ModelCIF file with pLDDT and N, C-alpha, C, O atoms, coordinates in Angstrom:
data_MODEL
#
_entry.id   MODEL 
#
_entity.id                         1 
_entity.type                       polymer 
_entity.pdbx_number_of_molecules   1 
#
_entity_poly.entity_id                      1 
_entity_poly.type                           'polypeptide(L)' 
_entity_poly.nstd_linkage                   no 
_entity_poly.nstd_monomer                   no 
_entity_poly.pdbx_seq_one_letter_code       
;(UNK)(UNK)(UNK)(UNK)(UNK)(UNK)(UNK)(UNK)(UNK)(UNK)(UNK)(UNK)(UNK)(UNK)(UNK)(UNK)
(UNK)(UNK)(UNK)(UNK)(UNK)(UNK)(UNK)(UNK)(UNK)(UNK)(UNK)(UNK)(UNK)(UNK)(UNK)(UNK)
(UNK)(UNK)
;
_entity_poly.pdbx_seq_one_letter_code_can   XXXXXXXXXXXXXXXXXXXXXXXXXXXXXXXXXX 
_entity_poly.pdbx_strand_id                 A 
#
loop_
_entity_poly_seq.entity_id 
_entity_poly_seq.num 
_entity_poly_seq.mon_id 
_entity_poly_seq.hetero 
1 1  UNK n 
1 2  UNK n 
1 3  UNK n 
1 4  UNK n 
1 5  UNK n 
1 6  UNK n 
1 7  UNK n 
1 8  UNK n 
1 9  UNK n 
1 10 UNK n 
1 11 UNK n 
1 12 UNK n 
1 13 UNK n 
1 14 UNK n 
1 15 UNK n 
1 16 UNK n 
1 17 UNK n 
1 18 UNK n 
1 19 UNK n 
1 20 UNK n 
1 21 UNK n 
1 22 UNK n 
1 23 UNK n 
1 24 UNK n 
1 25 UNK n 
1 26 UNK n 
1 27 UNK n 
1 28 UNK n 
1 29 UNK n 
1 30 UNK n 
1 31 UNK n 
1 32 UNK n 
1 33 UNK n 
1 34 UNK n 
#
_struct_asym.id          A 
_struct_asym.entity_id   1 
#
loop_
_ma_qa_metric.id 
_ma_qa_metric.mode 
_ma_qa_metric.name 
_ma_qa_metric.software_group_id 
_ma_qa_metric.type 
1 global pLDDT . pLDDT 
2 local  pLDDT . pLDDT 
#
_ma_qa_metric_global.metric_id      1 
_ma_qa_metric_global.metric_value   63.85 
_ma_qa_metric_global.model_id       1 
_ma_qa_metric_global.ordinal_id     1 
#
loop_
_ma_qa_metric_local.label_asym_id 
_ma_qa_metric_local.label_comp_id 
_ma_qa_metric_local.label_seq_id 
_ma_qa_metric_local.metric_id 
_ma_qa_metric_local.metric_value 
_ma_qa_metric_local.model_id 
_ma_qa_metric_local.ordinal_id 
A UNK 1  2 41.00 1 1  
A UNK 2  2 42.00 1 2  
A UNK 3  2 46.00 1 3  
A UNK 4  2 53.00 1 4  
A UNK 5  2 47.00 1 5  
A UNK 6  2 40.00 1 6  
A UNK 7  2 34.00 1 7  
A UNK 8  2 37.00 1 8  
A UNK 9  2 39.00 1 9  
A UNK 10 2 41.00 1 10 
A UNK 11 2 42.00 1 11 
A UNK 12 2 42.00 1 12 
A UNK 13 2 41.00 1 13 
A UNK 14 2 42.00 1 14 
A UNK 15 2 43.00 1 15 
A UNK 16 2 48.00 1 16 
A UNK 17 2 47.00 1 17 
A UNK 18 2 49.00 1 18 
A UNK 19 2 53.00 1 19 
A UNK 20 2 57.00 1 20 
A UNK 21 2 59.00 1 21 
A UNK 22 2 74.00 1 22 
A UNK 23 2 94.00 1 23 
A UNK 24 2 96.00 1 24 
A UNK 25 2 97.00 1 25 
A UNK 26 2 96.00 1 26 
A UNK 27 2 97.00 1 27 
A UNK 28 2 97.00 1 28 
A UNK 29 2 97.00 1 29 
A UNK 30 2 96.00 1 30 
A UNK 31 2 96.00 1 31 
A UNK 32 2 96.00 1 32 
A UNK 33 2 96.00 1 33 
A UNK 34 2 96.00 1 34 
#
loop_
_atom_site.group_PDB 
_atom_site.id 
_atom_site.type_symbol 
_atom_site.label_atom_id 
_atom_site.label_alt_id 
_atom_site.label_comp_id 
_atom_site.label_asym_id 
_atom_site.label_entity_id 
_atom_site.label_seq_id 
_atom_site.pdbx_PDB_ins_code 
_atom_site.Cartn_x 
_atom_site.Cartn_y 
_atom_site.Cartn_z 
_atom_site.occupancy 
_atom_site.B_iso_or_equiv 
_atom_site.pdbx_formal_charge 
_atom_site.auth_seq_id 
_atom_site.auth_comp_id 
_atom_site.auth_asym_id 
_atom_site.auth_atom_id 
_atom_site.pdbx_PDB_model_num 
ATOM 1   N N  . UNK A 1 1  ? -16.302 -9.079 12.710  1.00 41.00 ? 1  UNK A N  1 
ATOM 2   C CA . UNK A 1 1  ? -16.366 -9.581 11.154  1.00 41.00 ? 1  UNK A CA 1 
ATOM 3   C C  . UNK A 1 1  ? -15.786 -8.074 10.640  1.00 41.00 ? 1  UNK A C  1 
ATOM 4   O O  . UNK A 1 1  ? -16.235 -6.964 10.923  1.00 41.00 ? 1  UNK A O  1 
ATOM 5   N N  . UNK A 1 2  ? -14.681 -8.410 9.822   1.00 42.00 ? 2  UNK A N  1 
ATOM 6   C CA . UNK A 1 2  ? -14.051 -7.015 9.071   1.00 42.00 ? 2  UNK A CA 1 
ATOM 7   C C  . UNK A 1 2  ? -14.436 -6.908 7.673   1.00 42.00 ? 2  UNK A C  1 
ATOM 8   O O  . UNK A 1 2  ? -13.648 -6.313 6.938   1.00 42.00 ? 2  UNK A O  1 
ATOM 9   N N  . UNK A 1 3  ? -15.785 -7.500 7.045   1.00 46.00 ? 3  UNK A N  1 
ATOM 10  C CA . UNK A 1 3  ? -15.969 -7.508 6.051   1.00 46.00 ? 3  UNK A CA 1 
ATOM 11  C C  . UNK A 1 3  ? -16.889 -6.478 5.567   1.00 46.00 ? 3  UNK A C  1 
ATOM 12  O O  . UNK A 1 3  ? -17.937 -6.284 6.183   1.00 46.00 ? 3  UNK A O  1 
ATOM 13  N N  . UNK A 1 4  ? -16.538 -5.661 4.313   1.00 53.00 ? 4  UNK A N  1 
ATOM 14  C CA . UNK A 1 4  ? -17.315 -4.260 4.119   1.00 53.00 ? 4  UNK A CA 1 
ATOM 15  C C  . UNK A 1 4  ? -18.593 -4.382 4.337   1.00 53.00 ? 4  UNK A C  1 
ATOM 16  O O  . UNK A 1 4  ? -19.057 -5.465 3.983   1.00 53.00 ? 4  UNK A O  1 
ATOM 17  N N  . UNK A 1 5  ? -19.488 -3.463 4.907   1.00 47.00 ? 5  UNK A N  1 
ATOM 18  C CA . UNK A 1 5  ? -20.708 -3.101 5.133   1.00 47.00 ? 5  UNK A CA 1 
ATOM 19  C C  . UNK A 1 5  ? -20.973 -3.484 6.670   1.00 47.00 ? 5  UNK A C  1 
ATOM 20  O O  . UNK A 1 5  ? -22.114 -3.315 7.100   1.00 47.00 ? 5  UNK A O  1 
ATOM 21  N N  . UNK A 1 6  ? -19.878 -4.044 7.607   1.00 40.00 ? 6  UNK A N  1 
ATOM 22  C CA . UNK A 1 6  ? -20.001 -4.411 8.846   1.00 40.00 ? 6  UNK A CA 1 
ATOM 23  C C  . UNK A 1 6  ? -19.854 -3.284 9.840   1.00 40.00 ? 6  UNK A C  1 
ATOM 24  O O  . UNK A 1 6  ? -19.654 -2.272 9.168   1.00 40.00 ? 6  UNK A O  1 
ATOM 25  N N  . UNK A 1 7  ? -19.859 -2.969 11.185  1.00 34.00 ? 7  UNK A N  1 
ATOM 26  C CA . UNK A 1 7  ? -19.859 -2.081 11.848  1.00 34.00 ? 7  UNK A CA 1 
ATOM 27  C C  . UNK A 1 7  ? -18.481 -2.016 12.554  1.00 34.00 ? 7  UNK A C  1 
ATOM 28  O O  . UNK A 1 7  ? -18.184 -1.136 13.361  1.00 34.00 ? 7  UNK A O  1 
ATOM 29  N N  . UNK A 1 8  ? -17.657 -3.043 12.170  1.00 37.00 ? 8  UNK A N  1 
ATOM 30  C CA . UNK A 1 8  ? -16.503 -3.157 12.713  1.00 37.00 ? 8  UNK A CA 1 
ATOM 31  C C  . UNK A 1 8  ? -15.392 -1.995 12.048  1.00 37.00 ? 8  UNK A C  1 
ATOM 32  O O  . UNK A 1 8  ? -15.141 -1.998 10.842  1.00 37.00 ? 8  UNK A O  1 
ATOM 33  N N  . UNK A 1 9  ? -14.849 -1.134 12.880  1.00 39.00 ? 9  UNK A N  1 
ATOM 34  C CA . UNK A 1 9  ? -13.765 -0.109 12.141  1.00 39.00 ? 9  UNK A CA 1 
ATOM 35  C C  . UNK A 1 9  ? -12.652 -1.377 11.005  1.00 39.00 ? 9  UNK A C  1 
ATOM 36  O O  . UNK A 1 9  ? -12.724 -2.606 11.008  1.00 39.00 ? 9  UNK A O  1 
ATOM 37  N N  . UNK A 1 10 ? -11.854 -0.612 10.282  1.00 41.00 ? 10 UNK A N  1 
ATOM 38  C CA . UNK A 1 10 ? -10.731 -1.505 9.797   1.00 41.00 ? 10 UNK A CA 1 
ATOM 39  C C  . UNK A 1 10 ? -9.587  -1.470 10.693  1.00 41.00 ? 10 UNK A C  1 
ATOM 40  O O  . UNK A 1 10 ? -9.457  -0.658 11.609  1.00 41.00 ? 10 UNK A O  1 
ATOM 41  N N  . UNK A 1 11 ? -8.755  -2.399 10.384  1.00 42.00 ? 11 UNK A N  1 
ATOM 42  C CA . UNK A 1 11 ? -7.760  -2.209 11.468  1.00 42.00 ? 11 UNK A CA 1 
ATOM 43  C C  . UNK A 1 11 ? -6.504  -1.323 10.732  1.00 42.00 ? 11 UNK A C  1 
ATOM 44  O O  . UNK A 1 11 ? -6.186  -1.136 9.557   1.00 42.00 ? 11 UNK A O  1 
ATOM 45  N N  . UNK A 1 12 ? -5.966  -0.882 12.027  1.00 42.00 ? 12 UNK A N  1 
ATOM 46  C CA . UNK A 1 12 ? -4.956  -0.098 11.480  1.00 42.00 ? 12 UNK A CA 1 
ATOM 47  C C  . UNK A 1 12 ? -3.426  -0.654 10.786  1.00 42.00 ? 12 UNK A C  1 
ATOM 48  O O  . UNK A 1 12 ? -2.843  -1.616 11.286  1.00 42.00 ? 12 UNK A O  1 
ATOM 49  N N  . UNK A 1 13 ? -2.934  0.010  9.707   1.00 41.00 ? 13 UNK A N  1 
ATOM 50  C CA . UNK A 1 13 ? -1.990  -0.342 8.884   1.00 41.00 ? 13 UNK A CA 1 
ATOM 51  C C  . UNK A 1 13 ? -0.734  0.342  9.129   1.00 41.00 ? 13 UNK A C  1 
ATOM 52  O O  . UNK A 1 13 ? -0.903  1.516  9.458   1.00 41.00 ? 13 UNK A O  1 
ATOM 53  N N  . UNK A 1 14 ? 0.180   0.057  9.083   1.00 42.00 ? 14 UNK A N  1 
ATOM 54  C CA . UNK A 1 14 ? 1.316   0.927  9.370   1.00 42.00 ? 14 UNK A CA 1 
ATOM 55  C C  . UNK A 1 14 ? 2.179   1.031  7.945   1.00 42.00 ? 14 UNK A C  1 
ATOM 56  O O  . UNK A 1 14 ? 2.866   0.096  7.535   1.00 42.00 ? 14 UNK A O  1 
ATOM 57  N N  . UNK A 1 15 ? 2.070   2.041  7.396   1.00 43.00 ? 15 UNK A N  1 
ATOM 58  C CA . UNK A 1 15 ? 2.835   2.325  6.086   1.00 43.00 ? 15 UNK A CA 1 
ATOM 59  C C  . UNK A 1 15 ? 4.177   1.141  5.864   1.00 43.00 ? 15 UNK A C  1 
ATOM 60  O O  . UNK A 1 15 ? 4.839   0.695  6.801   1.00 43.00 ? 15 UNK A O  1 
ATOM 61  N N  . UNK A 1 16 ? 4.333   0.854  4.715   1.00 48.00 ? 16 UNK A N  1 
ATOM 62  C CA . UNK A 1 16 ? 5.643   0.032  4.694   1.00 48.00 ? 16 UNK A CA 1 
ATOM 63  C C  . UNK A 1 16 ? 6.248   1.023  3.606   1.00 48.00 ? 16 UNK A C  1 
ATOM 64  O O  . UNK A 1 16 ? 5.669   1.894  2.957   1.00 48.00 ? 16 UNK A O  1 
ATOM 65  N N  . UNK A 1 17 ? 8.067   0.495  3.594   1.00 47.00 ? 17 UNK A N  1 
ATOM 66  C CA . UNK A 1 17 ? 8.435   1.636  2.483   1.00 47.00 ? 17 UNK A CA 1 
ATOM 67  C C  . UNK A 1 17 ? 8.046   0.601  1.190   1.00 47.00 ? 17 UNK A C  1 
ATOM 68  O O  . UNK A 1 17 ? 7.624   -0.555 1.183   1.00 47.00 ? 17 UNK A O  1 
ATOM 69  N N  . UNK A 1 18 ? 8.415   1.641  0.000   1.00 49.00 ? 18 UNK A N  1 
ATOM 70  C CA . UNK A 1 18 ? 8.170   0.639  -1.142  1.00 49.00 ? 18 UNK A CA 1 
ATOM 71  C C  . UNK A 1 18 ? 9.418   -0.176 -1.353  1.00 49.00 ? 18 UNK A C  1 
ATOM 72  O O  . UNK A 1 18 ? 10.346  -0.278 -0.551  1.00 49.00 ? 18 UNK A O  1 
ATOM 73  N N  . UNK A 1 19 ? 9.313   -0.783 -2.615  1.00 53.00 ? 19 UNK A N  1 
ATOM 74  C CA . UNK A 1 19 ? 10.340  -2.145 -2.895  1.00 53.00 ? 19 UNK A CA 1 
ATOM 75  C C  . UNK A 1 19 ? 11.755  -1.220 -3.128  1.00 53.00 ? 19 UNK A C  1 
ATOM 76  O O  . UNK A 1 19 ? 11.799  -0.155 -3.744  1.00 53.00 ? 19 UNK A O  1 
ATOM 77  N N  . UNK A 1 20 ? 12.795  -1.849 -2.531  1.00 57.00 ? 20 UNK A N  1 
ATOM 78  C CA . UNK A 1 20 ? 14.108  -1.657 -2.415  1.00 57.00 ? 20 UNK A CA 1 
ATOM 79  C C  . UNK A 1 20 ? 14.407  0.294  -1.819  1.00 57.00 ? 20 UNK A C  1 
ATOM 80  O O  . UNK A 1 20 ? 15.277  1.052  -2.247  1.00 57.00 ? 20 UNK A O  1 
ATOM 81  N N  . UNK A 1 21 ? 13.396  0.578  -0.810  1.00 59.00 ? 21 UNK A N  1 
ATOM 82  C CA . UNK A 1 21 ? 13.908  1.482  -0.346  1.00 59.00 ? 21 UNK A CA 1 
ATOM 83  C C  . UNK A 1 21 ? 13.454  2.815  -1.161  1.00 59.00 ? 21 UNK A C  1 
ATOM 84  O O  . UNK A 1 21 ? 13.613  3.935  -0.675  1.00 59.00 ? 21 UNK A O  1 
ATOM 85  N N  . UNK A 1 22 ? 12.815  2.580  -2.574  1.00 74.00 ? 22 UNK A N  1 
ATOM 86  C CA . UNK A 1 22 ? 12.452  3.636  -3.125  1.00 74.00 ? 22 UNK A CA 1 
ATOM 87  C C  . UNK A 1 22 ? 11.129  4.535  -3.030  1.00 74.00 ? 22 UNK A C  1 
ATOM 88  O O  . UNK A 1 22 ? 10.448  4.296  -2.033  1.00 74.00 ? 22 UNK A O  1 
ATOM 89  N N  . UNK A 1 23 ? 10.791  5.231  -3.633  1.00 94.00 ? 23 UNK A N  1 
ATOM 90  C CA . UNK A 1 23 ? 9.177   5.950  -3.151  1.00 94.00 ? 23 UNK A CA 1 
ATOM 91  C C  . UNK A 1 23 ? 8.503   5.513  -4.238  1.00 94.00 ? 23 UNK A C  1 
ATOM 92  O O  . UNK A 1 23 ? 9.019   4.869  -5.151  1.00 94.00 ? 23 UNK A O  1 
ATOM 93  N N  . UNK A 1 24 ? 7.013   5.940  -4.155  1.00 96.00 ? 24 UNK A N  1 
ATOM 94  C CA . UNK A 1 24 ? 5.962   5.480  -4.879  1.00 96.00 ? 24 UNK A CA 1 
ATOM 95  C C  . UNK A 1 24 ? 6.324   5.752  -6.394  1.00 96.00 ? 24 UNK A C  1 
ATOM 96  O O  . UNK A 1 24 ? 6.275   4.936  -7.315  1.00 96.00 ? 24 UNK A O  1 
ATOM 97  N N  . UNK A 1 25 ? 6.650   6.910  -6.440  1.00 97.00 ? 25 UNK A N  1 
ATOM 98  C CA . UNK A 1 25 ? 6.775   7.383  -7.884  1.00 97.00 ? 25 UNK A CA 1 
ATOM 99  C C  . UNK A 1 25 ? 8.238   6.931  -8.649  1.00 97.00 ? 25 UNK A C  1 
ATOM 100 O O  . UNK A 1 25 ? 8.343   6.760  -9.863  1.00 97.00 ? 25 UNK A O  1 
ATOM 101 N N  . UNK A 1 26 ? 9.240   6.792  -7.744  1.00 96.00 ? 26 UNK A N  1 
ATOM 102 C CA . UNK A 1 26 ? 10.439  5.945  -8.503  1.00 96.00 ? 26 UNK A CA 1 
ATOM 103 C C  . UNK A 1 26 ? 10.229  4.518  -8.835  1.00 96.00 ? 26 UNK A C  1 
ATOM 104 O O  . UNK A 1 26 ? 10.909  3.949  -9.689  1.00 96.00 ? 26 UNK A O  1 
ATOM 105 N N  . UNK A 1 27 ? 8.971   3.744  -7.935  1.00 97.00 ? 27 UNK A N  1 
ATOM 106 C CA . UNK A 1 27 ? 8.584   2.510  -8.227  1.00 97.00 ? 27 UNK A CA 1 
ATOM 107 C C  . UNK A 1 27 ? 7.682   2.383  -9.578  1.00 97.00 ? 27 UNK A C  1 
ATOM 108 O O  . UNK A 1 27 ? 7.705   1.452  -10.383 1.00 97.00 ? 27 UNK A O  1 
ATOM 109 N N  . UNK A 1 28 ? 6.984   3.407  -9.613  1.00 97.00 ? 28 UNK A N  1 
ATOM 110 C CA . UNK A 1 28 ? 6.242   3.439  -10.886 1.00 97.00 ? 28 UNK A CA 1 
ATOM 111 C C  . UNK A 1 28 ? 6.914   3.805  -12.083 1.00 97.00 ? 28 UNK A C  1 
ATOM 112 O O  . UNK A 1 28 ? 6.613   3.316  -13.172 1.00 97.00 ? 28 UNK A O  1 
ATOM 113 N N  . UNK A 1 29 ? 7.943   4.767  -11.899 1.00 97.00 ? 29 UNK A N  1 
ATOM 114 C CA . UNK A 1 29 ? 8.837   5.074  -13.126 1.00 97.00 ? 29 UNK A CA 1 
ATOM 115 C C  . UNK A 1 29 ? 9.573   3.576  -13.314 1.00 97.00 ? 29 UNK A C  1 
ATOM 116 O O  . UNK A 1 29 ? 9.460   3.125  -14.454 1.00 97.00 ? 29 UNK A O  1 
ATOM 117 N N  . UNK A 1 30 ? 10.137  2.935  -12.582 1.00 96.00 ? 30 UNK A N  1 
ATOM 118 C CA . UNK A 1 30 ? 10.788  1.692  -12.777 1.00 96.00 ? 30 UNK A CA 1 
ATOM 119 C C  . UNK A 1 30 ? 9.755   0.680  -13.603 1.00 96.00 ? 30 UNK A C  1 
ATOM 120 O O  . UNK A 1 30 ? 10.271  0.084  -14.549 1.00 96.00 ? 30 UNK A O  1 
ATOM 121 N N  . UNK A 1 31 ? 8.542   0.462  -13.376 1.00 96.00 ? 31 UNK A N  1 
ATOM 122 C CA . UNK A 1 31 ? 7.608   -0.495 -13.766 1.00 96.00 ? 31 UNK A CA 1 
ATOM 123 C C  . UNK A 1 31 ? 7.240   -0.021 -15.074 1.00 96.00 ? 31 UNK A C  1 
ATOM 124 O O  . UNK A 1 31 ? 7.020   -0.827 -15.979 1.00 96.00 ? 31 UNK A O  1 
ATOM 125 N N  . UNK A 1 32 ? 7.147   1.334  -15.262 1.00 96.00 ? 32 UNK A N  1 
ATOM 126 C CA . UNK A 1 32 ? 7.172   2.163  -16.670 1.00 96.00 ? 32 UNK A CA 1 
ATOM 127 C C  . UNK A 1 32 ? 7.910   1.681  -17.641 1.00 96.00 ? 32 UNK A C  1 
ATOM 128 O O  . UNK A 1 32 ? 7.590   1.209  -18.732 1.00 96.00 ? 32 UNK A O  1 
ATOM 129 N N  . UNK A 1 33 ? 9.431   1.925  -16.894 1.00 96.00 ? 33 UNK A N  1 
ATOM 130 C CA . UNK A 1 33 ? 10.777  1.533  -17.819 1.00 96.00 ? 33 UNK A CA 1 
ATOM 131 C C  . UNK A 1 33 ? 10.731  0.225  -18.299 1.00 96.00 ? 33 UNK A C  1 
ATOM 132 O O  . UNK A 1 33 ? 10.877  -0.030 -19.494 1.00 96.00 ? 33 UNK A O  1 
ATOM 133 N N  . UNK A 1 34 ? 10.512  -0.734 -17.325 1.00 96.00 ? 34 UNK A N  1 
ATOM 134 C CA . UNK A 1 34 ? 10.408  -2.176 -17.728 1.00 96.00 ? 34 UNK A CA 1 
ATOM 135 C C  . UNK A 1 34 ? 9.264   -2.801 -18.805 1.00 96.00 ? 34 UNK A C  1 
ATOM 136 O O  . UNK A 1 34 ? 9.260   -4.002 -19.073 1.00 96.00 ? 34 UNK A O  1 
#
């Protein structure tokens, strides 16, 4: 049971690249401009 409040640890998630290979803030800038 992976619901909040249970004793199971959250799964390990590997970071994935942001869209089109840009970093977080480049994506934020692109969303802001759009």
